[in-house]
Amino acid sequence: MSLLRWATNRHVVSESGYSLLELLIVIVITGLIALPLSTFLIKGLSSYNFIQAQSDTALELQTLSDRVTKVVRGATSLDTASPDTLIVYAYFSPQDTVIDKVRYFVNGTNLNIGVTPPTGTAPSYTYLPANEKFYTTRIDLAMGTASLFTYYDDADNLLTGSFLPSQVKEVGLYVAANPNAKQVPVPISISTKVTLRNLKTNL
């Protein structure tokens, strides 16, 4: 075979590329490598989303708890004290110059707030139900059998059964929520206890 003919044959083979069988083998091998890698990446992403969902919910509940605690701590009096409803007279917003009637209550899986501004002149304010404005702070409560509120007297004794709102000197708050039951199987919860500083008798 002449040198020219050998070079020509070699050029034809090199330009023919990979055969179909070789391409199939490459695809199969690539798939075998990519499958466990993709599974690892999916599990990693799922774990990240799980942790992020827990962190976000915990932060939101802490912020909510701090907001409720601040309002309740400054209450001048209590109107209603039940496991799922608390009505206080307090400054709802830091900018308020008059005392609102503030109602925290559970409605299904919603945690709602009703705020009624006063009408009239001090000290003879009236609070008209028609003026109550509603806010929904959570739509994913997962309280189970737990109560949103618990109440304590001035000796830190838990008040149960029938008692007067005037007996309450401390309020316990427990909130549990689950924004995504598939992602976070166990609800995130937070609890705190707040002293009604304007109603303390054991100063």
N, C-alpha and C. Protein backbone atom coordinates (compact mmCIF):
# COMPACT_ATOMS: atom_id res chain seq x y z
N MET A 1 0.87 -1.19 0.00
CA MET A 1 0.00 0.00 0.00
C MET A 1 0.90 1.23 0.00
N SER A 2 0.59 2.13 -0.89
CA SER A 2 1.42 3.32 -0.97
C SER A 2 1.15 4.24 0.19
N LEU A 3 2.08 5.09 0.46
CA LEU A 3 1.95 6.04 1.56
C LEU A 3 0.76 6.96 1.34
N LEU A 4 0.50 7.36 0.09
CA LEU A 4 -0.62 8.26 -0.22
C LEU A 4 -1.94 7.58 0.04
N ARG A 5 -2.06 6.29 -0.34
CA ARG A 5 -3.31 5.54 -0.14
C ARG A 5 -3.56 5.33 1.34
N TRP A 6 -2.51 5.04 2.10
CA TRP A 6 -2.66 4.82 3.57
C TRP A 6 -3.15 6.10 4.25
N ALA A 7 -2.59 7.21 3.84
CA ALA A 7 -2.98 8.48 4.43
C ALA A 7 -4.43 8.82 4.10
N THR A 8 -4.86 8.47 2.86
CA THR A 8 -6.24 8.74 2.45
C THR A 8 -7.22 7.91 3.25
N ASN A 9 -6.93 6.60 3.45
CA ASN A 9 -7.80 5.72 4.24
C ASN A 9 -7.88 6.18 5.68
N ARG A 10 -6.75 6.61 6.21
CA ARG A 10 -6.72 7.08 7.60
C ARG A 10 -7.58 8.33 7.75
N HIS A 11 -7.59 9.21 6.78
CA HIS A 11 -8.39 10.43 6.82
C HIS A 11 -9.88 10.10 6.81
N VAL A 12 -10.28 9.11 6.03
CA VAL A 12 -11.70 8.71 5.95
C VAL A 12 -12.17 8.14 7.26
N VAL A 13 -11.35 7.30 7.90
CA VAL A 13 -11.73 6.68 9.18
C VAL A 13 -11.88 7.74 10.26
N SER A 14 -10.94 8.70 10.29
CA SER A 14 -10.96 9.70 11.34
C SER A 14 -12.17 10.61 11.23
N GLU A 15 -12.69 10.82 10.00
CA GLU A 15 -13.84 11.68 9.83
C GLU A 15 -15.16 10.95 9.97
N SER A 16 -15.09 9.63 10.07
CA SER A 16 -16.35 8.88 10.20
C SER A 16 -16.95 9.04 11.57
N GLY A 17 -16.23 9.52 12.61
CA GLY A 17 -16.73 9.77 13.96
C GLY A 17 -16.99 8.49 14.71
N TYR A 18 -17.84 8.64 15.79
CA TYR A 18 -18.17 7.47 16.60
C TYR A 18 -19.29 6.68 15.95
N SER A 19 -19.26 5.39 16.19
CA SER A 19 -20.33 4.55 15.68
C SER A 19 -21.55 4.67 16.60
N LEU A 20 -22.70 4.22 16.14
CA LEU A 20 -23.94 4.26 16.92
C LEU A 20 -23.79 3.46 18.21
N LEU A 21 -23.11 2.35 18.12
CA LEU A 21 -22.91 1.52 19.31
C LEU A 21 -22.08 2.24 20.35
N GLU A 22 -21.03 2.92 19.88
CA GLU A 22 -20.19 3.67 20.80
C GLU A 22 -20.98 4.79 21.48
N LEU A 23 -21.83 5.47 20.72
CA LEU A 23 -22.66 6.54 21.30
C LEU A 23 -23.62 5.99 22.34
N LEU A 24 -24.22 4.84 22.05
CA LEU A 24 -25.15 4.22 23.01
C LEU A 24 -24.43 3.84 24.29
N ILE A 25 -23.23 3.34 24.18
CA ILE A 25 -22.44 2.96 25.35
C ILE A 25 -22.13 4.19 26.21
N VAL A 26 -21.77 5.28 25.54
CA VAL A 26 -21.48 6.53 26.25
C VAL A 26 -22.71 7.04 26.98
N ILE A 27 -23.88 6.97 26.29
CA ILE A 27 -25.13 7.44 26.90
C ILE A 27 -25.48 6.61 28.13
N VAL A 28 -25.34 5.30 28.01
CA VAL A 28 -25.66 4.40 29.14
C VAL A 28 -24.74 4.68 30.32
N ILE A 29 -23.47 4.80 30.06
CA ILE A 29 -22.50 5.06 31.14
C ILE A 29 -22.77 6.42 31.79
N THR A 30 -23.06 7.41 30.97
CA THR A 30 -23.37 8.74 31.50
C THR A 30 -24.62 8.69 32.38
N GLY A 31 -25.63 7.94 31.93
CA GLY A 31 -26.85 7.80 32.72
C GLY A 31 -26.60 7.11 34.04
N LEU A 32 -25.78 6.08 34.03
CA LEU A 32 -25.46 5.37 35.27
C LEU A 32 -24.73 6.26 36.26
N ILE A 33 -23.92 7.15 35.76
CA ILE A 33 -23.20 8.08 36.64
C ILE A 33 -24.13 9.20 37.12
N ALA A 34 -24.99 9.67 36.21
CA ALA A 34 -25.84 10.82 36.55
C ALA A 34 -26.97 10.46 37.50
N LEU A 35 -27.45 9.22 37.46
CA LEU A 35 -28.60 8.83 38.29
C LEU A 35 -28.32 8.98 39.79
N PRO A 36 -27.26 8.38 40.32
CA PRO A 36 -27.00 8.59 41.75
C PRO A 36 -26.66 10.03 42.10
N LEU A 37 -26.01 10.73 41.16
CA LEU A 37 -25.68 12.13 41.41
C LEU A 37 -26.94 12.97 41.52
N SER A 38 -27.88 12.75 40.60
CA SER A 38 -29.13 13.52 40.63
C SER A 38 -29.94 13.19 41.87
N THR A 39 -29.93 11.91 42.29
CA THR A 39 -30.63 11.51 43.52
C THR A 39 -30.04 12.22 44.72
N PHE A 40 -28.72 12.30 44.76
CA PHE A 40 -28.05 13.00 45.86
C PHE A 40 -28.42 14.48 45.88
N LEU A 41 -28.44 15.10 44.70
CA LEU A 41 -28.77 16.52 44.62
C LEU A 41 -30.22 16.78 45.03
N ILE A 42 -31.13 15.89 44.62
CA ILE A 42 -32.54 16.06 44.98
C ILE A 42 -32.73 15.92 46.48
N LYS A 43 -32.07 14.94 47.09
CA LYS A 43 -32.17 14.77 48.54
C LYS A 43 -31.58 15.97 49.27
N GLY A 44 -30.48 16.49 48.75
CA GLY A 44 -29.87 17.66 49.36
C GLY A 44 -30.77 18.88 49.29
N LEU A 45 -31.42 19.06 48.15
CA LEU A 45 -32.34 20.19 47.97
C LEU A 45 -33.55 20.04 48.88
N SER A 46 -34.05 18.80 49.00
CA SER A 46 -35.19 18.54 49.87
C SER A 46 -34.85 18.85 51.32
N SER A 47 -33.65 18.44 51.76
CA SER A 47 -33.22 18.71 53.13
C SER A 47 -33.08 20.20 53.36
N TYR A 48 -32.55 20.90 52.38
CA TYR A 48 -32.40 22.36 52.51
C TYR A 48 -33.77 23.02 52.64
N ASN A 49 -34.72 22.61 51.79
CA ASN A 49 -36.06 23.18 51.84
C ASN A 49 -36.74 22.90 53.18
N PHE A 50 -36.51 21.71 53.72
CA PHE A 50 -37.07 21.32 55.01
C PHE A 50 -36.53 22.22 56.12
N ILE A 51 -35.23 22.40 56.14
CA ILE A 51 -34.61 23.24 57.16
C ILE A 51 -35.03 24.69 56.99
N GLN A 52 -35.11 25.15 55.75
CA GLN A 52 -35.50 26.54 55.49
C GLN A 52 -36.94 26.78 55.93
N ALA A 53 -37.83 25.81 55.67
CA ALA A 53 -39.23 25.95 56.07
C ALA A 53 -39.35 26.00 57.59
N GLN A 54 -38.60 25.16 58.29
CA GLN A 54 -38.60 25.19 59.75
C GLN A 54 -38.09 26.53 60.28
N SER A 55 -37.00 27.00 59.71
CA SER A 55 -36.40 28.25 60.15
C SER A 55 -37.33 29.43 59.92
N ASP A 56 -37.94 29.49 58.73
CA ASP A 56 -38.84 30.60 58.40
C ASP A 56 -40.05 30.61 59.32
N THR A 57 -40.63 29.44 59.56
CA THR A 57 -41.82 29.36 60.41
C THR A 57 -41.48 29.74 61.85
N ALA A 58 -40.35 29.25 62.35
CA ALA A 58 -39.94 29.58 63.72
C ALA A 58 -39.73 31.08 63.88
N LEU A 59 -39.10 31.71 62.90
CA LEU A 59 -38.87 33.15 62.94
C LEU A 59 -40.19 33.92 62.90
N GLU A 60 -41.10 33.49 62.04
CA GLU A 60 -42.40 34.16 61.94
C GLU A 60 -43.19 34.03 63.24
N LEU A 61 -43.16 32.85 63.85
CA LEU A 61 -43.89 32.65 65.11
C LEU A 61 -43.27 33.46 66.24
N GLN A 62 -41.95 33.58 66.24
CA GLN A 62 -41.28 34.39 67.26
C GLN A 62 -41.68 35.86 67.12
N THR A 63 -41.71 36.33 65.88
CA THR A 63 -42.11 37.72 65.63
C THR A 63 -43.55 37.94 66.06
N LEU A 64 -44.43 37.00 65.74
CA LEU A 64 -45.82 37.10 66.14
C LEU A 64 -45.96 37.10 67.66
N SER A 65 -45.25 36.19 68.31
CA SER A 65 -45.29 36.10 69.77
C SER A 65 -44.82 37.40 70.41
N ASP A 66 -43.74 37.96 69.89
CA ASP A 66 -43.22 39.22 70.43
C ASP A 66 -44.24 40.35 70.29
N ARG A 67 -44.93 40.36 69.15
CA ARG A 67 -45.92 41.42 68.91
C ARG A 67 -47.10 41.29 69.87
N VAL A 68 -47.62 40.08 70.02
CA VAL A 68 -48.75 39.85 70.93
C VAL A 68 -48.33 40.15 72.36
N THR A 69 -47.15 39.69 72.73
CA THR A 69 -46.65 39.89 74.09
C THR A 69 -46.55 41.37 74.43
N LYS A 70 -46.05 42.15 73.48
CA LYS A 70 -45.88 43.58 73.73
C LYS A 70 -47.22 44.26 73.98
N VAL A 71 -48.24 43.90 73.20
CA VAL A 71 -49.56 44.50 73.36
C VAL A 71 -50.18 44.06 74.69
N VAL A 72 -50.15 42.77 74.95
CA VAL A 72 -50.79 42.23 76.16
C VAL A 72 -50.09 42.74 77.42
N ARG A 73 -48.78 42.85 77.39
CA ARG A 73 -48.04 43.33 78.56
C ARG A 73 -48.51 44.72 78.98
N GLY A 74 -48.86 45.54 78.01
CA GLY A 74 -49.26 46.90 78.33
C GLY A 74 -50.76 47.09 78.50
N ALA A 75 -51.50 45.98 78.58
CA ALA A 75 -52.96 46.07 78.71
C ALA A 75 -53.35 46.79 80.00
N THR A 76 -54.38 47.60 79.89
CA THR A 76 -54.89 48.29 81.09
C THR A 76 -55.98 47.47 81.77
N SER A 77 -56.62 46.59 81.02
CA SER A 77 -57.62 45.69 81.60
C SER A 77 -57.92 44.57 80.62
N LEU A 78 -58.51 43.48 81.16
CA LEU A 78 -58.93 42.35 80.34
C LEU A 78 -60.45 42.32 80.28
N ASP A 79 -60.96 42.05 79.10
CA ASP A 79 -62.40 41.94 78.92
C ASP A 79 -62.84 40.48 78.89
N THR A 80 -62.09 39.65 78.16
CA THR A 80 -62.41 38.23 78.01
C THR A 80 -61.13 37.42 78.08
N ALA A 81 -61.18 36.32 78.84
CA ALA A 81 -60.01 35.45 78.97
C ALA A 81 -60.47 34.00 78.87
N SER A 82 -60.39 33.45 77.67
CA SER A 82 -60.78 32.06 77.43
C SER A 82 -59.63 31.36 76.70
N PRO A 83 -59.68 30.03 76.58
CA PRO A 83 -58.56 29.31 75.95
C PRO A 83 -58.20 29.77 74.55
N ASP A 84 -59.20 30.17 73.75
CA ASP A 84 -58.92 30.54 72.37
C ASP A 84 -59.28 31.98 72.04
N THR A 85 -59.61 32.76 73.05
CA THR A 85 -59.94 34.17 72.83
C THR A 85 -59.42 35.01 73.99
N LEU A 86 -58.74 36.08 73.65
CA LEU A 86 -58.29 37.04 74.64
C LEU A 86 -58.64 38.44 74.14
N ILE A 87 -59.38 39.17 74.97
CA ILE A 87 -59.73 40.55 74.62
C ILE A 87 -59.16 41.47 75.69
N VAL A 88 -58.34 42.40 75.25
CA VAL A 88 -57.71 43.35 76.17
C VAL A 88 -57.93 44.77 75.68
N TYR A 89 -57.79 45.70 76.60
CA TYR A 89 -57.76 47.11 76.26
C TYR A 89 -56.30 47.54 76.34
N ALA A 90 -55.77 47.94 75.20
CA ALA A 90 -54.33 48.23 75.15
C ALA A 90 -54.03 49.08 73.92
N TYR A 91 -52.79 49.57 73.87
CA TYR A 91 -52.31 50.28 72.68
C TYR A 91 -51.87 49.23 71.66
N PHE A 92 -52.58 49.13 70.56
CA PHE A 92 -52.27 48.10 69.58
C PHE A 92 -51.02 48.44 68.77
N SER A 93 -50.87 49.69 68.41
CA SER A 93 -49.71 50.14 67.64
C SER A 93 -48.90 51.12 68.47
N PRO A 94 -47.58 51.14 68.27
CA PRO A 94 -46.75 52.10 69.01
C PRO A 94 -47.16 53.54 68.78
N GLN A 95 -47.77 53.82 67.63
CA GLN A 95 -48.16 55.19 67.30
C GLN A 95 -49.48 55.59 67.95
N ASP A 96 -50.20 54.63 68.52
CA ASP A 96 -51.51 54.94 69.09
C ASP A 96 -51.39 55.87 70.30
N THR A 97 -52.31 56.79 70.38
CA THR A 97 -52.37 57.70 71.53
C THR A 97 -53.59 57.43 72.41
N VAL A 98 -54.45 56.53 71.92
CA VAL A 98 -55.63 56.13 72.69
C VAL A 98 -55.67 54.61 72.76
N ILE A 99 -56.38 54.09 73.75
CA ILE A 99 -56.42 52.66 73.98
C ILE A 99 -57.46 52.00 73.09
N ASP A 100 -57.05 50.94 72.40
CA ASP A 100 -57.95 50.17 71.55
C ASP A 100 -58.49 48.96 72.31
N LYS A 101 -59.55 48.41 71.78
CA LYS A 101 -60.04 47.12 72.24
C LYS A 101 -59.49 46.08 71.28
N VAL A 102 -58.62 45.20 71.78
CA VAL A 102 -57.90 44.26 70.93
C VAL A 102 -58.36 42.83 71.24
N ARG A 103 -58.75 42.13 70.19
CA ARG A 103 -59.25 40.77 70.36
C ARG A 103 -58.38 39.80 69.56
N TYR A 104 -57.79 38.84 70.26
CA TYR A 104 -57.05 37.75 69.63
C TYR A 104 -57.93 36.51 69.70
N PHE A 105 -58.11 35.85 68.57
CA PHE A 105 -58.99 34.69 68.60
C PHE A 105 -58.65 33.71 67.48
N VAL A 106 -59.01 32.43 67.72
CA VAL A 106 -58.79 31.36 66.76
C VAL A 106 -60.08 31.12 66.00
N ASN A 107 -59.95 31.00 64.68
CA ASN A 107 -61.08 30.66 63.82
C ASN A 107 -60.64 29.56 62.87
N GLY A 108 -60.92 28.31 63.22
CA GLY A 108 -60.43 27.19 62.43
C GLY A 108 -58.93 27.08 62.56
N THR A 109 -58.22 27.21 61.46
CA THR A 109 -56.75 27.20 61.49
C THR A 109 -56.18 28.61 61.37
N ASN A 110 -57.03 29.60 61.52
CA ASN A 110 -56.60 31.00 61.42
C ASN A 110 -56.43 31.62 62.81
N LEU A 111 -55.38 32.41 62.95
CA LEU A 111 -55.22 33.24 64.13
C LEU A 111 -55.53 34.67 63.70
N ASN A 112 -56.60 35.20 64.24
CA ASN A 112 -57.09 36.52 63.83
C ASN A 112 -56.94 37.54 64.94
N ILE A 113 -56.90 38.79 64.53
CA ILE A 113 -56.89 39.91 65.47
C ILE A 113 -57.99 40.87 65.06
N GLY A 114 -58.79 41.27 66.04
CA GLY A 114 -59.79 42.30 65.81
C GLY A 114 -59.43 43.53 66.62
N VAL A 115 -59.38 44.67 65.99
CA VAL A 115 -59.00 45.91 66.68
C VAL A 115 -60.15 46.91 66.53
N THR A 116 -60.66 47.36 67.68
CA THR A 116 -61.73 48.34 67.69
C THR A 116 -61.22 49.64 68.28
N PRO A 117 -61.16 50.71 67.51
CA PRO A 117 -60.71 52.00 68.05
C PRO A 117 -61.83 52.62 68.88
N PRO A 118 -61.46 53.48 69.81
CA PRO A 118 -62.49 54.11 70.64
C PRO A 118 -63.21 55.24 69.91
N THR A 119 -64.42 55.49 70.34
CA THR A 119 -65.17 56.65 69.86
C THR A 119 -65.59 57.47 71.07
N GLY A 120 -65.85 58.72 70.86
CA GLY A 120 -66.21 59.59 71.96
C GLY A 120 -64.99 60.29 72.52
N THR A 121 -65.10 60.76 73.73
CA THR A 121 -64.00 61.47 74.37
C THR A 121 -63.64 60.80 75.69
N ALA A 122 -62.39 60.92 76.06
CA ALA A 122 -61.93 60.33 77.32
C ALA A 122 -62.57 61.06 78.50
N PRO A 123 -62.86 60.38 79.59
CA PRO A 123 -62.62 58.94 79.76
C PRO A 123 -63.82 58.09 79.37
N SER A 124 -64.80 58.68 78.73
CA SER A 124 -66.04 57.97 78.40
C SER A 124 -66.00 57.41 76.98
N TYR A 125 -64.97 56.63 76.70
CA TYR A 125 -64.88 56.03 75.38
C TYR A 125 -65.91 54.91 75.23
N THR A 126 -66.35 54.69 74.01
CA THR A 126 -67.16 53.53 73.67
C THR A 126 -66.48 52.80 72.52
N TYR A 127 -66.73 51.49 72.46
CA TYR A 127 -66.10 50.65 71.44
C TYR A 127 -67.21 49.95 70.66
N LEU A 128 -67.46 50.43 69.47
CA LEU A 128 -68.56 49.93 68.67
C LEU A 128 -68.13 48.69 67.87
N PRO A 129 -68.86 47.58 67.99
CA PRO A 129 -68.51 46.37 67.23
C PRO A 129 -68.40 46.60 65.73
N ALA A 130 -69.20 47.51 65.22
CA ALA A 130 -69.17 47.78 63.77
C ALA A 130 -67.85 48.38 63.31
N ASN A 131 -67.10 48.95 64.24
CA ASN A 131 -65.82 49.59 63.88
C ASN A 131 -64.62 48.65 64.00
N GLU A 132 -64.87 47.40 64.35
CA GLU A 132 -63.76 46.45 64.53
C GLU A 132 -63.12 46.12 63.19
N LYS A 133 -61.81 46.22 63.13
CA LYS A 133 -61.04 45.86 61.94
C LYS A 133 -60.31 44.54 62.19
N PHE A 134 -60.33 43.67 61.19
CA PHE A 134 -59.80 42.33 61.36
C PHE A 134 -58.49 42.14 60.59
N TYR A 135 -57.60 41.40 61.21
CA TYR A 135 -56.33 41.03 60.61
C TYR A 135 -56.12 39.53 60.84
N THR A 136 -55.63 38.85 59.81
CA THR A 136 -55.29 37.43 59.94
C THR A 136 -53.78 37.30 59.96
N THR A 137 -53.25 36.76 61.06
CA THR A 137 -51.80 36.68 61.21
C THR A 137 -51.24 35.31 60.82
N ARG A 138 -52.03 34.24 60.98
CA ARG A 138 -51.62 32.91 60.55
C ARG A 138 -52.82 32.21 59.96
N ILE A 139 -52.60 31.41 58.92
CA ILE A 139 -53.68 30.62 58.32
C ILE A 139 -53.36 29.13 58.42
N ASP A 140 -52.32 28.79 59.17
CA ASP A 140 -51.85 27.41 59.20
C ASP A 140 -51.64 26.89 60.63
N LEU A 141 -52.52 27.31 61.54
CA LEU A 141 -52.39 26.84 62.92
C LEU A 141 -52.52 25.32 62.97
N ALA A 142 -51.71 24.71 63.82
CA ALA A 142 -51.75 23.26 64.05
C ALA A 142 -51.70 23.04 65.56
N MET A 143 -52.73 23.50 66.24
CA MET A 143 -52.74 23.53 67.69
C MET A 143 -53.05 22.18 68.33
N GLY A 144 -53.69 21.29 67.58
CA GLY A 144 -54.09 20.03 68.19
C GLY A 144 -55.11 20.29 69.29
N THR A 145 -54.84 19.76 70.48
CA THR A 145 -55.75 19.97 71.62
C THR A 145 -55.24 21.09 72.53
N ALA A 146 -54.16 21.73 72.16
CA ALA A 146 -53.58 22.79 73.01
C ALA A 146 -54.39 24.07 72.90
N SER A 147 -54.34 24.86 73.96
CA SER A 147 -55.02 26.15 74.00
C SER A 147 -54.07 27.25 73.55
N LEU A 148 -54.63 28.25 72.91
CA LEU A 148 -53.84 29.39 72.50
C LEU A 148 -53.37 30.18 73.73
N PHE A 149 -54.26 30.32 74.70
CA PHE A 149 -53.95 31.10 75.90
C PHE A 149 -54.16 30.28 77.18
N THR A 150 -53.32 30.54 78.14
CA THR A 150 -53.50 30.04 79.50
C THR A 150 -53.34 31.24 80.43
N TYR A 151 -53.91 31.13 81.64
CA TYR A 151 -53.97 32.29 82.52
C TYR A 151 -53.50 31.93 83.93
N TYR A 152 -52.88 32.92 84.58
CA TYR A 152 -52.29 32.70 85.91
C TYR A 152 -52.65 33.87 86.82
N ASP A 153 -52.77 33.55 88.12
CA ASP A 153 -53.07 34.60 89.08
C ASP A 153 -51.79 35.25 89.58
N ASP A 154 -51.91 36.12 90.60
CA ASP A 154 -50.73 36.86 91.07
C ASP A 154 -49.75 35.99 91.83
N ALA A 155 -50.14 34.74 92.15
CA ALA A 155 -49.22 33.79 92.78
C ALA A 155 -48.67 32.79 91.76
N ASP A 156 -48.88 33.07 90.49
CA ASP A 156 -48.42 32.22 89.40
C ASP A 156 -49.12 30.86 89.36
N ASN A 157 -50.33 30.80 89.90
CA ASN A 157 -51.13 29.58 89.84
C ASN A 157 -51.96 29.58 88.56
N LEU A 158 -52.02 28.42 87.91
CA LEU A 158 -52.80 28.30 86.68
C LEU A 158 -54.29 28.42 87.02
N LEU A 159 -54.97 29.28 86.32
CA LEU A 159 -56.40 29.46 86.52
C LEU A 159 -57.16 28.51 85.60
N THR A 160 -58.03 27.70 86.18
CA THR A 160 -58.81 26.75 85.40
C THR A 160 -60.29 26.91 85.77
N GLY A 161 -61.14 26.32 84.94
CA GLY A 161 -62.57 26.42 85.22
C GLY A 161 -63.05 27.85 85.03
N SER A 162 -63.97 28.25 85.91
CA SER A 162 -64.52 29.60 85.85
C SER A 162 -63.69 30.55 86.70
N PHE A 163 -63.30 31.65 86.11
CA PHE A 163 -62.57 32.68 86.85
C PHE A 163 -62.85 34.03 86.22
N LEU A 164 -62.60 35.07 86.96
CA LEU A 164 -62.86 36.42 86.47
C LEU A 164 -61.63 36.95 85.73
N PRO A 165 -61.84 37.72 84.67
CA PRO A 165 -60.70 38.34 83.98
C PRO A 165 -59.83 39.17 84.93
N SER A 166 -60.44 39.74 85.97
CA SER A 166 -59.67 40.56 86.91
C SER A 166 -58.69 39.73 87.73
N GLN A 167 -58.86 38.41 87.76
CA GLN A 167 -57.94 37.53 88.49
C GLN A 167 -56.65 37.28 87.71
N VAL A 168 -56.67 37.54 86.43
CA VAL A 168 -55.53 37.22 85.57
C VAL A 168 -54.43 38.26 85.75
N LYS A 169 -53.24 37.78 86.08
CA LYS A 169 -52.08 38.66 86.20
C LYS A 169 -50.97 38.28 85.23
N GLU A 170 -51.03 37.08 84.71
CA GLU A 170 -50.08 36.61 83.70
C GLU A 170 -50.84 35.83 82.63
N VAL A 171 -50.37 35.94 81.40
CA VAL A 171 -50.99 35.24 80.28
C VAL A 171 -49.94 34.38 79.59
N GLY A 172 -50.26 33.11 79.40
CA GLY A 172 -49.39 32.22 78.64
C GLY A 172 -49.88 32.14 77.20
N LEU A 173 -48.96 32.20 76.27
CA LEU A 173 -49.29 32.13 74.84
C LEU A 173 -48.58 30.94 74.23
N TYR A 174 -49.34 30.10 73.52
CA TYR A 174 -48.76 28.96 72.81
C TYR A 174 -49.29 28.98 71.38
N VAL A 175 -48.38 28.99 70.42
CA VAL A 175 -48.77 28.99 69.01
C VAL A 175 -48.01 27.89 68.29
N ALA A 176 -48.73 27.05 67.55
CA ALA A 176 -48.11 26.01 66.73
C ALA A 176 -48.67 26.14 65.32
N ALA A 177 -47.77 26.06 64.35
CA ALA A 177 -48.19 26.23 62.95
C ALA A 177 -47.43 25.25 62.07
N ASN A 178 -48.02 24.96 60.92
CA ASN A 178 -47.39 24.07 59.97
C ASN A 178 -47.75 24.53 58.55
N PRO A 179 -46.87 25.32 57.93
CA PRO A 179 -47.18 25.84 56.60
C PRO A 179 -47.18 24.79 55.50
N ASN A 180 -46.51 23.66 55.74
CA ASN A 180 -46.43 22.61 54.72
C ASN A 180 -46.25 21.27 55.42
N ALA A 181 -47.35 20.56 55.61
CA ALA A 181 -47.31 19.28 56.35
C ALA A 181 -46.44 18.25 55.66
N LYS A 182 -46.33 18.30 54.33
CA LYS A 182 -45.50 17.35 53.61
C LYS A 182 -44.02 17.64 53.83
N GLN A 183 -43.70 18.91 53.95
CA GLN A 183 -42.31 19.31 54.10
C GLN A 183 -41.87 19.30 55.55
N VAL A 184 -42.78 19.66 56.45
CA VAL A 184 -42.48 19.71 57.88
C VAL A 184 -43.51 18.87 58.61
N PRO A 185 -43.26 17.58 58.81
CA PRO A 185 -44.26 16.69 59.41
C PRO A 185 -44.70 17.13 60.80
N VAL A 186 -43.78 17.66 61.60
CA VAL A 186 -44.10 18.08 62.96
C VAL A 186 -44.27 19.60 62.99
N PRO A 187 -45.39 20.10 63.53
CA PRO A 187 -45.60 21.55 63.58
C PRO A 187 -44.50 22.26 64.37
N ILE A 188 -44.22 23.49 63.97
CA ILE A 188 -43.29 24.34 64.71
C ILE A 188 -44.11 25.08 65.76
N SER A 189 -43.61 25.15 66.97
CA SER A 189 -44.37 25.80 68.03
C SER A 189 -43.48 26.74 68.84
N ILE A 190 -44.13 27.66 69.52
CA ILE A 190 -43.43 28.58 70.40
C ILE A 190 -44.36 28.93 71.55
N SER A 191 -43.81 29.09 72.72
CA SER A 191 -44.63 29.43 73.88
C SER A 191 -43.92 30.48 74.72
N THR A 192 -44.69 31.29 75.39
CA THR A 192 -44.14 32.34 76.24
C THR A 192 -45.17 32.70 77.30
N LYS A 193 -44.74 33.43 78.31
CA LYS A 193 -45.63 33.90 79.36
C LYS A 193 -45.34 35.37 79.58
N VAL A 194 -46.40 36.16 79.69
CA VAL A 194 -46.23 37.60 79.82
C VAL A 194 -46.96 38.09 81.05
N THR A 195 -46.30 38.96 81.80
CA THR A 195 -46.90 39.57 82.99
C THR A 195 -47.62 40.85 82.60
N LEU A 196 -48.82 41.01 83.10
CA LEU A 196 -49.59 42.23 82.83
C LEU A 196 -49.10 43.31 83.79
N ARG A 197 -48.18 44.12 83.33
CA ARG A 197 -47.46 45.02 84.22
C ARG A 197 -48.38 46.08 84.84
N ASN A 198 -49.45 46.46 84.14
CA ASN A 198 -50.37 47.46 84.68
C ASN A 198 -51.40 46.87 85.65
N LEU A 199 -51.41 45.54 85.77
CA LEU A 199 -52.39 44.89 86.61
C LEU A 199 -51.76 44.12 87.77
N LYS A 200 -50.47 44.28 87.94
CA LYS A 200 -49.77 43.58 89.01
C LYS A 200 -50.21 44.10 90.37
N THR A 201 -50.36 43.16 91.31
CA THR A 201 -50.75 43.57 92.68
C THR A 201 -49.65 43.27 93.70
N ASN A 202 -48.65 42.49 93.27
CA ASN A 202 -47.58 42.11 94.20
C ASN A 202 -46.30 42.87 93.90
N LEU A 203 -46.39 44.16 93.74
CA LEU A 203 -45.22 45.01 93.43
C LEU A 203 -44.30 45.11 94.63
